[in-house]
PDB file of N, CA and C in Angstrom:
ATOM      1  N   UNK A   1       0.848  -1.174   0.000  1.00  0.00           N
ATOM      2  CA  UNK A   1       0.000   0.000   0.000  1.00  0.00           C
ATOM      3  C   UNK A   1       0.896   1.240   0.000  1.00  0.00           C
ATOM      4  N   UNK A   2       0.578   2.185  -0.873  1.00  0.00           N
ATOM      5  CA  UNK A   2       1.383   3.398  -0.969  1.00  0.00           C
ATOM      6  C   UNK A   2       1.099   4.329   0.209  1.00  0.00           C
ATOM      7  N   UNK A   3       1.948   5.320   0.372  1.00  0.00           N
ATOM      8  CA  UNK A   3       1.773   6.295   1.447  1.00  0.00           C
ATOM      9  C   UNK A   3       0.436   7.022   1.292  1.00  0.00           C
ATOM     10  N   UNK A   4       0.088   7.393   0.067  1.00  0.00           N
ATOM     11  CA  UNK A   4      -1.182   8.076  -0.188  1.00  0.00           C
ATOM     12  C   UNK A   4      -2.365   7.182   0.161  1.00  0.00           C
ATOM     13  N   UNK A   5      -2.290   5.904  -0.222  1.00  0.00           N
ATOM     14  CA  UNK A   5      -3.371   4.967   0.105  1.00  0.00           C
ATOM     15  C   UNK A   5      -3.522   4.830   1.610  1.00  0.00           C
ATOM     16  N   UNK A   6      -2.417   4.767   2.327  1.00  0.00           N
ATOM     17  CA  UNK A   6      -2.471   4.669   3.788  1.00  0.00           C
ATOM     18  C   UNK A   6      -3.100   5.915   4.386  1.00  0.00           C
ATOM     19  N   UNK A   7      -2.755   7.087   3.851  1.00  0.00           N
ATOM     20  CA  UNK A   7      -3.319   8.333   4.360  1.00  0.00           C
ATOM     21  C   UNK A   7      -4.825   8.385   4.125  1.00  0.00           C
ATOM     22  N   UNK A   8      -5.248   7.980   2.944  1.00  0.00           N
ATOM     23  CA  UNK A   8      -6.677   7.974   2.626  1.00  0.00           C
ATOM     24  C   UNK A   8      -7.404   6.982   3.522  1.00  0.00           C
ATOM     25  N   UNK A   9      -6.842   5.794   3.689  1.00  0.00           N
ATOM     26  CA  UNK A   9      -7.449   4.778   4.551  1.00  0.00           C
ATOM     27  C   UNK A   9      -7.563   5.276   5.980  1.00  0.00           C
ATOM     28  N   UNK A  10      -6.515   5.875   6.500  1.00  0.00           N
ATOM     29  CA  UNK A  10      -6.535   6.401   7.866  1.00  0.00           C
ATOM     30  C   UNK A  10      -7.588   7.490   8.003  1.00  0.00           C
ATOM     31  N   UNK A  11      -7.650   8.406   7.042  1.00  0.00           N
ATOM     32  CA  UNK A  11      -8.648   9.468   7.077  1.00  0.00           C
ATOM     33  C   UNK A  11     -10.055   8.885   7.084  1.00  0.00           C
ATOM     34  N   UNK A  12     -10.318   7.941   6.166  1.00  0.00           N
ATOM     35  CA  UNK A  12     -11.650   7.338   6.085  1.00  0.00           C
ATOM     36  C   UNK A  12     -12.017   6.602   7.368  1.00  0.00           C
ATOM     37  N   UNK A  13     -11.073   5.860   7.925  1.00  0.00           N
ATOM     38  CA  UNK A  13     -11.342   5.124   9.162  1.00  0.00           C
ATOM     39  C   UNK A  13     -11.695   6.078  10.295  1.00  0.00           C
ATOM     40  N   UNK A  14     -10.962   7.165  10.422  1.00  0.00           N
ATOM     41  CA  UNK A  14     -11.239   8.137  11.489  1.00  0.00           C
ATOM     42  C   UNK A  14     -12.585   8.814  11.273  1.00  0.00           C
ATOM     43  N   UNK A  15     -12.856   9.203  10.035  1.00  0.00           N
ATOM     44  CA  UNK A  15     -14.115   9.867   9.733  1.00  0.00           C
ATOM     45  C   UNK A  15     -15.297   8.929   9.967  1.00  0.00           C
ATOM     46  N   UNK A  16     -15.175   7.690   9.493  1.00  0.00           N
ATOM     47  CA  UNK A  16     -16.241   6.712   9.693  1.00  0.00           C
ATOM     48  C   UNK A  16     -16.449   6.403  11.163  1.00  0.00           C
ATOM     49  N   UNK A  17     -15.368   6.252  11.910  1.00  0.00           N
ATOM     50  CA  UNK A  17     -15.470   5.974  13.340  1.00  0.00           C
ATOM     51  C   UNK A  17     -16.279   7.064  14.031  1.00  0.00           C
ATOM     52  N   UNK A  18     -15.932   8.300  13.780  1.00  0.00           N
ATOM     53  CA  UNK A  18     -16.634   9.425  14.405  1.00  0.00           C
ATOM     54  C   UNK A  18     -18.100   9.471  13.975  1.00  0.00           C
ATOM     55  N   UNK A  19     -18.340   9.343  12.679  1.00  0.00           N
ATOM     56  CA  UNK A  19     -19.702   9.439  12.151  1.00  0.00           C
ATOM     57  C   UNK A  19     -20.593   8.298  12.629  1.00  0.00           C
ATOM     58  N   UNK A  20     -20.068   7.084  12.618  1.00  0.00           N
ATOM     59  CA  UNK A  20     -20.860   5.928  13.041  1.00  0.00           C
ATOM     60  C   UNK A  20     -21.162   6.005  14.530  1.00  0.00           C
ATOM     61  N   UNK A  21     -20.171   6.359  15.334  1.00  0.00           N
ATOM     62  CA  UNK A  21     -20.410   6.494  16.777  1.00  0.00           C
ATOM     63  C   UNK A  21     -21.483   7.533  17.059  1.00  0.00           C
ATOM     64  N   UNK A  22     -21.435   8.653  16.357  1.00  0.00           N
ATOM     65  CA  UNK A  22     -22.437   9.696  16.545  1.00  0.00           C
ATOM     66  C   UNK A  22     -23.819   9.184  16.152  1.00  0.00           C
ATOM     67  N   UNK A  23     -23.911   8.519  15.013  1.00  0.00           N
ATOM     68  CA  UNK A  23     -25.195   8.012  14.543  1.00  0.00           C
ATOM     69  C   UNK A  23     -25.758   6.966  15.492  1.00  0.00           C
ATOM     70  N   UNK A  24     -24.929   6.023  15.916  1.00  0.00           N
ATOM     71  CA  UNK A  24     -25.382   4.966  16.826  1.00  0.00           C
ATOM     72  C   UNK A  24     -25.861   5.580  18.136  1.00  0.00           C
ATOM     73  N   UNK A  25     -25.168   6.598  18.607  1.00  0.00           N
ATOM     74  CA  UNK A  25     -25.567   7.264  19.842  1.00  0.00           C
ATOM     75  C   UNK A  25     -26.912   7.952  19.736  1.00  0.00           C
ATOM     76  N   UNK A  26     -27.289   8.357  18.526  1.00  0.00           N
ATOM     77  CA  UNK A  26     -28.554   9.061  18.312  1.00  0.00           C
ATOM     78  C   UNK A  26     -29.691   8.137  17.881  1.00  0.00           C
ATOM     79  N   UNK A  27     -29.381   6.870  17.625  1.00  0.00           N
ATOM     80  CA  UNK A  27     -30.404   5.934  17.156  1.00  0.00           C
ATOM     81  C   UNK A  27     -31.431   5.665  18.240  1.00  0.00           C
ATOM     82  N   UNK A  28     -32.655   5.476  17.813  1.00  0.00           N
ATOM     83  CA  UNK A  28     -33.668   4.995  18.733  1.00  0.00           C
ATOM     84  C   UNK A  28     -34.088   3.603  18.278  1.00  0.00           C
ATOM     85  N   UNK A  29     -34.930   2.967  19.054  1.00  0.00           N
ATOM     86  CA  UNK A  29     -35.262   1.564  18.781  1.00  0.00           C
ATOM     87  C   UNK A  29     -35.889   1.339  17.415  1.00  0.00           C
ATOM     88  N   UNK A  30     -36.684   2.271  16.925  1.00  0.00           N
ATOM     89  CA  UNK A  30     -37.351   2.048  15.642  1.00  0.00           C
ATOM     90  C   UNK A  30     -36.381   2.097  14.462  1.00  0.00           C
ATOM     91  N   UNK A  31     -35.199   2.659  14.652  1.00  0.00           N
ATOM     92  CA  UNK A  31     -34.202   2.715  13.581  1.00  0.00           C
ATOM     93  C   UNK A  31     -33.187   1.585  13.657  1.00  0.00           C
ATOM     94  N   UNK A  32     -33.311   0.718  14.629  1.00  0.00           N
ATOM     95  CA  UNK A  32     -32.342  -0.371  14.795  1.00  0.00           C
ATOM     96  C   UNK A  32     -32.510  -1.424  13.710  1.00  0.00           C
ATOM     97  N   UNK A  33     -31.429  -2.118  13.421  1.00  0.00           N
ATOM     98  CA  UNK A  33     -31.496  -3.270  12.543  1.00  0.00           C
ATOM     99  C   UNK A  33     -31.097  -3.033  11.103  1.00  0.00           C
ATOM    100  N   UNK A  34     -30.874  -1.784  10.727  1.00  0.00           N
ATOM    101  CA  UNK A  34     -30.544  -1.513   9.331  1.00  0.00           C
ATOM    102  C   UNK A  34     -29.271  -0.689   9.188  1.00  0.00           C
ATOM    103  N   UNK A  35     -28.455  -0.660  10.211  1.00  0.00           N
ATOM    104  CA  UNK A  35     -27.261   0.181  10.193  1.00  0.00           C
ATOM    105  C   UNK A  35     -26.294  -0.225   9.083  1.00  0.00           C
ATOM    106  N   UNK A  36     -26.035  -1.508   8.931  1.00  0.00           N
ATOM    107  CA  UNK A  36     -25.102  -1.973   7.898  1.00  0.00           C
ATOM    108  C   UNK A  36     -25.584  -1.554   6.513  1.00  0.00           C
ATOM    109  N   UNK A  37     -26.840  -1.814   6.220  1.00  0.00           N
ATOM    110  CA  UNK A  37     -27.411  -1.469   4.919  1.00  0.00           C
ATOM    111  C   UNK A  37     -27.368   0.043   4.695  1.00  0.00           C
ATOM    112  N   UNK A  38     -27.685   0.808   5.714  1.00  0.00           N
ATOM    113  CA  UNK A  38     -27.685   2.260   5.619  1.00  0.00           C
ATOM    114  C   UNK A  38     -26.289   2.793   5.307  1.00  0.00           C
ATOM    115  N   UNK A  39     -25.308   2.306   6.041  1.00  0.00           N
ATOM    116  CA  UNK A  39     -23.936   2.793   5.864  1.00  0.00           C
ATOM    117  C   UNK A  39     -23.365   2.334   4.526  1.00  0.00           C
ATOM    118  N   UNK A  40     -23.551   1.079   4.186  1.00  0.00           N
ATOM    119  CA  UNK A  40     -23.000   0.575   2.927  1.00  0.00           C
ATOM    120  C   UNK A  40     -23.630   1.287   1.731  1.00  0.00           C
ATOM    121  N   UNK A  41     -24.933   1.483   1.782  1.00  0.00           N
ATOM    122  CA  UNK A  41     -25.605   2.196   0.695  1.00  0.00           C
ATOM    123  C   UNK A  41     -25.162   3.644   0.608  1.00  0.00           C
ATOM    124  N   UNK A  42     -24.947   4.253   1.759  1.00  0.00           N
ATOM    125  CA  UNK A  42     -24.508   5.642   1.794  1.00  0.00           C
ATOM    126  C   UNK A  42     -23.114   5.834   1.246  1.00  0.00           C
ATOM    127  N   UNK A  43     -22.309   4.810   1.316  1.00  0.00           N
ATOM    128  CA  UNK A  43     -20.940   4.884   0.806  1.00  0.00           C
ATOM    129  C   UNK A  43     -20.867   4.333  -0.617  1.00  0.00           C
ATOM    130  N   UNK A  44     -21.515   3.201  -0.830  1.00  0.00           N
ATOM    131  CA  UNK A  44     -21.363   2.487  -2.095  1.00  0.00           C
ATOM    132  C   UNK A  44     -21.999   3.216  -3.280  1.00  0.00           C
ATOM    133  N   UNK A  45     -23.189   3.771  -3.090  1.00  0.00           N
ATOM    134  CA  UNK A  45     -23.859   4.439  -4.209  1.00  0.00           C
ATOM    135  C   UNK A  45     -23.035   5.600  -4.752  1.00  0.00           C
ATOM    136  N   UNK A  46     -22.604   6.561  -3.916  1.00  0.00           N
ATOM    137  CA  UNK A  46     -21.798   7.643  -4.484  1.00  0.00           C
ATOM    138  C   UNK A  46     -20.463   7.157  -5.042  1.00  0.00           C
ATOM    139  N   UNK A  47     -19.890   6.129  -4.447  1.00  0.00           N
ATOM    140  CA  UNK A  47     -18.635   5.578  -4.956  1.00  0.00           C
ATOM    141  C   UNK A  47     -18.820   5.067  -6.385  1.00  0.00           C
ATOM    142  N   UNK A  48     -19.862   4.294  -6.600  1.00  0.00           N
ATOM    143  CA  UNK A  48     -20.146   3.757  -7.936  1.00  0.00           C
ATOM    144  C   UNK A  48     -20.451   4.899  -8.903  1.00  0.00           C
ATOM    145  N   UNK A  49     -21.253   5.868  -8.467  1.00  0.00           N
ATOM    146  CA  UNK A  49     -21.598   6.999  -9.329  1.00  0.00           C
ATOM    147  C   UNK A  49     -20.359   7.790  -9.751  1.00  0.00           C
ATOM    148  N   UNK A  50     -19.482   8.058  -8.804  1.00  0.00           N
ATOM    149  CA  UNK A  50     -18.269   8.835  -9.094  1.00  0.00           C
ATOM    150  C   UNK A  50     -17.365   8.088 -10.070  1.00  0.00           C
ATOM    151  N   UNK A  51     -17.152   6.800  -9.814  1.00  0.00           N
ATOM    152  CA  UNK A  51     -16.270   6.024 -10.692  1.00  0.00           C
ATOM    153  C   UNK A  51     -16.871   5.920 -12.094  1.00  0.00           C
ATOM    154  N   UNK A  52     -18.170   5.716 -12.187  1.00  0.00           N
ATOM    155  CA  UNK A  52     -18.809   5.675 -13.506  1.00  0.00           C
ATOM    156  C   UNK A  52     -18.658   7.012 -14.232  1.00  0.00           C
ATOM    157  N   UNK A  53     -18.840   8.097 -13.517  1.00  0.00           N
ATOM    158  CA  UNK A  53     -18.691   9.420 -14.130  1.00  0.00           C
ATOM    159  C   UNK A  53     -17.259   9.624 -14.620  1.00  0.00           C
ATOM    160  N   UNK A  54     -16.297   9.249 -13.789  1.00  0.00           N
ATOM    161  CA  UNK A  54     -14.886   9.440 -14.146  1.00  0.00           C
ATOM    162  C   UNK A  54     -14.451   8.555 -15.314  1.00  0.00           C
ATOM    163  N   UNK A  55     -15.160   7.461 -15.530  1.00  0.00           N
ATOM    164  CA  UNK A  55     -14.824   6.567 -16.649  1.00  0.00           C
ATOM    165  C   UNK A  55     -15.727   6.815 -17.855  1.00  0.00           C
ATOM    166  N   UNK A  56     -16.489   7.882 -17.807  1.00  0.00           N
ATOM    167  CA  UNK A  56     -17.383   8.186 -18.921  1.00  0.00           C
ATOM    168  C   UNK A  56     -18.484   7.165 -19.078  1.00  0.00           C
ATOM    169  N   UNK A  57     -18.843   6.491 -17.999  1.00  0.00           N
ATOM    170  CA  UNK A  57     -19.892   5.481 -18.033  1.00  0.00           C
ATOM    171  C   UNK A  57     -19.422   4.112 -18.490  1.00  0.00           C
ATOM    172  N   UNK A  58     -18.137   3.947 -18.687  1.00  0.00           N
ATOM    173  CA  UNK A  58     -17.598   2.662 -19.137  1.00  0.00           C
ATOM    174  C   UNK A  58     -17.621   1.674 -17.966  1.00  0.00           C
ATOM    175  N   UNK A  59     -18.567   0.755 -18.016  1.00  0.00           N
ATOM    176  CA  UNK A  59     -18.773  -0.170 -16.901  1.00  0.00           C
ATOM    177  C   UNK A  59     -17.621  -1.150 -16.730  1.00  0.00           C
ATOM    178  N   UNK A  60     -17.010  -1.555 -17.811  1.00  0.00           N
ATOM    179  CA  UNK A  60     -15.872  -2.474 -17.710  1.00  0.00           C
ATOM    180  C   UNK A  60     -14.723  -1.799 -16.976  1.00  0.00           C
ATOM    181  N   UNK A  61     -14.418  -0.585 -17.383  1.00  0.00           N
ATOM    182  CA  UNK A  61     -13.342   0.172 -16.743  1.00  0.00           C
ATOM    183  C   UNK A  61     -13.693   0.482 -15.285  1.00  0.00           C
ATOM    184  N   UNK A  62     -14.937   0.875 -15.035  1.00  0.00           N
ATOM    185  CA  UNK A  62     -15.368   1.185 -13.670  1.00  0.00           C
ATOM    186  C   UNK A  62     -15.259  -0.047 -12.776  1.00  0.00           C
ATOM    187  N   UNK A  63     -15.691  -1.186 -13.278  1.00  0.00           N
ATOM    188  CA  UNK A  63     -15.605  -2.428 -12.497  1.00  0.00           C
ATOM    189  C   UNK A  63     -14.155  -2.753 -12.169  1.00  0.00           C
ATOM    190  N   UNK A  64     -13.257  -2.554 -13.123  1.00  0.00           N
ATOM    191  CA  UNK A  64     -11.836  -2.800 -12.876  1.00  0.00           C
ATOM    192  C   UNK A  64     -11.295  -1.877 -11.794  1.00  0.00           C
ATOM    193  N   UNK A  65     -11.648  -0.601 -11.854  1.00  0.00           N
ATOM    194  CA  UNK A  65     -11.191   0.359 -10.845  1.00  0.00           C
ATOM    195  C   UNK A  65     -11.726  -0.022  -9.469  1.00  0.00           C
ATOM    196  N   UNK A  66     -12.989  -0.426  -9.418  1.00  0.00           N
ATOM    197  CA  UNK A  66     -13.613  -0.798  -8.142  1.00  0.00           C
ATOM    198  C   UNK A  66     -13.144  -2.159  -7.638  1.00  0.00           C
ATOM    199  N   UNK A  67     -12.572  -2.957  -8.532  1.00  0.00           N
ATOM    200  CA  UNK A  67     -12.113  -4.285  -8.140  1.00  0.00           C
ATOM    201  C   UNK A  67     -13.236  -5.287  -7.995  1.00  0.00           C
ATOM    202  N   UNK A  68     -14.294  -5.081  -8.797  1.00  0.00           N
ATOM    203  CA  UNK A  68     -15.434  -5.993  -8.760  1.00  0.00           C
ATOM    204  C   UNK A  68     -15.718  -6.489 -10.175  1.00  0.00           C
ATOM    205  N   UNK A  69     -16.494  -7.556 -10.268  1.00  0.00           N
ATOM    206  CA  UNK A  69     -16.905  -8.118 -11.545  1.00  0.00           C
ATOM    207  C   UNK A  69     -17.884  -7.168 -12.220  1.00  0.00           C
ATOM    208  N   UNK A  70     -17.859  -7.107 -13.540  1.00  0.00           N
ATOM    209  CA  UNK A  70     -18.763  -6.227 -14.277  1.00  0.00           C
ATOM    210  C   UNK A  70     -20.228  -6.553 -13.990  1.00  0.00           C
ATOM    211  N   UNK A  71     -20.565  -7.828 -13.845  1.00  0.00           N
ATOM    212  CA  UNK A  71     -21.948  -8.197 -13.521  1.00  0.00           C
ATOM    213  C   UNK A  71     -22.342  -7.703 -12.134  1.00  0.00           C
ATOM    214  N   UNK A  72     -21.400  -7.729 -11.200  1.00  0.00           N
ATOM    215  CA  UNK A  72     -21.666  -7.198  -9.857  1.00  0.00           C
ATOM    216  C   UNK A  72     -21.929  -5.702  -9.947  1.00  0.00           C
ATOM    217  N   UNK A  73     -21.142  -5.007 -10.754  1.00  0.00           N
ATOM    218  CA  UNK A  73     -21.353  -3.569 -10.948  1.00  0.00           C
ATOM    219  C   UNK A  73     -22.736  -3.314 -11.522  1.00  0.00           C
ATOM    220  N   UNK A  74     -23.131  -4.098 -12.502  1.00  0.00           N
ATOM    221  CA  UNK A  74     -24.461  -3.917 -13.100  1.00  0.00           C
ATOM    222  C   UNK A  74     -25.570  -4.129 -12.072  1.00  0.00           C
ATOM    223  N   UNK A  75     -25.396  -5.095 -11.189  1.00  0.00           N
ATOM    224  CA  UNK A  75     -26.384  -5.322 -10.125  1.00  0.00           C
ATOM    225  C   UNK A  75     -26.460  -4.115  -9.203  1.00  0.00           C
ATOM    226  N   UNK A  76     -25.308  -3.532  -8.886  1.00  0.00           N
ATOM    227  CA  UNK A  76     -25.275  -2.360  -8.009  1.00  0.00           C
ATOM    228  C   UNK A  76     -25.911  -1.149  -8.692  1.00  0.00           C
ATOM    229  N   UNK A  77     -25.682  -1.007  -9.991  1.00  0.00           N
ATOM    230  CA  UNK A  77     -26.302   0.076 -10.748  1.00  0.00           C
ATOM    231  C   UNK A  77     -27.822  -0.055 -10.682  1.00  0.00           C
ATOM    232  N   UNK A  78     -28.313  -1.265 -10.854  1.00  0.00           N
ATOM    233  CA  UNK A  78     -29.760  -1.505 -10.782  1.00  0.00           C
ATOM    234  C   UNK A  78     -30.276  -1.316  -9.358  1.00  0.00           C
ATOM    235  N   UNK A  79     -29.556  -1.863  -8.379  1.00  0.00           N
ATOM    236  CA  UNK A  79     -29.977  -1.782  -6.975  1.00  0.00           C
ATOM    237  C   UNK A  79     -30.110  -0.335  -6.508  1.00  0.00           C
ATOM    238  N   UNK A  80     -29.146   0.497  -6.871  1.00  0.00           N
ATOM    239  CA  UNK A  80     -29.147   1.895  -6.431  1.00  0.00           C
ATOM    240  C   UNK A  80     -29.822   2.821  -7.438  1.00  0.00           C
ATOM    241  N   UNK A  81     -30.371   2.245  -8.522  1.00  0.00           N
ATOM    242  CA  UNK A  81     -31.065   3.012  -9.563  1.00  0.00           C
ATOM    243  C   UNK A  81     -30.182   4.141 -10.091  1.00  0.00           C
ATOM    244  N   UNK A  82     -28.953   3.773 -10.426  1.00  0.00           N
ATOM    245  CA  UNK A  82     -27.983   4.738 -10.941  1.00  0.00           C
ATOM    246  C   UNK A  82     -28.179   4.860 -12.444  1.00  0.00           C
ATOM    247  N   UNK A  83     -28.309   6.093 -12.914  1.00  0.00           N
ATOM    248  CA  UNK A  83     -28.436   6.330 -14.349  1.00  0.00           C
ATOM    249  C   UNK A  83     -27.053   6.265 -14.967  1.00  0.00           C
ATOM    250  N   UNK A  84     -26.951   5.482 -16.011  1.00  0.00           N
ATOM    251  CA  UNK A  84     -25.664   5.263 -16.660  1.00  0.00           C
ATOM    252  C   UNK A  84     -25.831   5.478 -18.155  1.00  0.00           C
ATOM    253  N   UNK A  85     -25.077   6.418 -18.708  1.00  0.00           N
ATOM    254  CA  UNK A  85     -25.190   6.744 -20.133  1.00  0.00           C
ATOM    255  C   UNK A  85     -24.625   5.664 -21.031  1.00  0.00           C
ATOM    256  N   UNK A  86     -23.473   5.138 -20.667  1.00  0.00           N
ATOM    257  CA  UNK A  86     -22.787   4.142 -21.496  1.00  0.00           C
ATOM    258  C   UNK A  86     -23.016   2.762 -20.900  1.00  0.00           C
ATOM    259  N   UNK A  87     -23.440   1.821 -21.680  1.00  0.00           N
ATOM    260  CA  UNK A  87     -23.728   0.472 -21.182  1.00  0.00           C
ATOM    261  C   UNK A  87     -22.612  -0.511 -21.499  1.00  0.00           C
ATOM    262  N   UNK A  88     -21.384  -0.044 -21.576  1.00  0.00           N
ATOM    263  CA  UNK A  88     -20.245  -0.901 -21.916  1.00  0.00           C
ATOM    264  C   UNK A  88     -19.872  -1.808 -20.781  1.00  0.00           C
TER     265      UNK A  88
END
């Protein structure tokens, strides 16, 4: 892992730690049970959208950058209802 990757990872871990602790502290019983889905969706959807935008909608290239299979990317696009101009 490069120095930049370590810095980004450390920043994300600290930010997530603070944000998740704050959210969990504010949760009430009716919001329990969906924390994983909420957090993953909150992170994964913009991540996929940004990578698709940066690749000009090229799903093959986006999947490679994300380190996932192209079919998995397509499922995520459908799951999060992400509009994609290029269907490559």
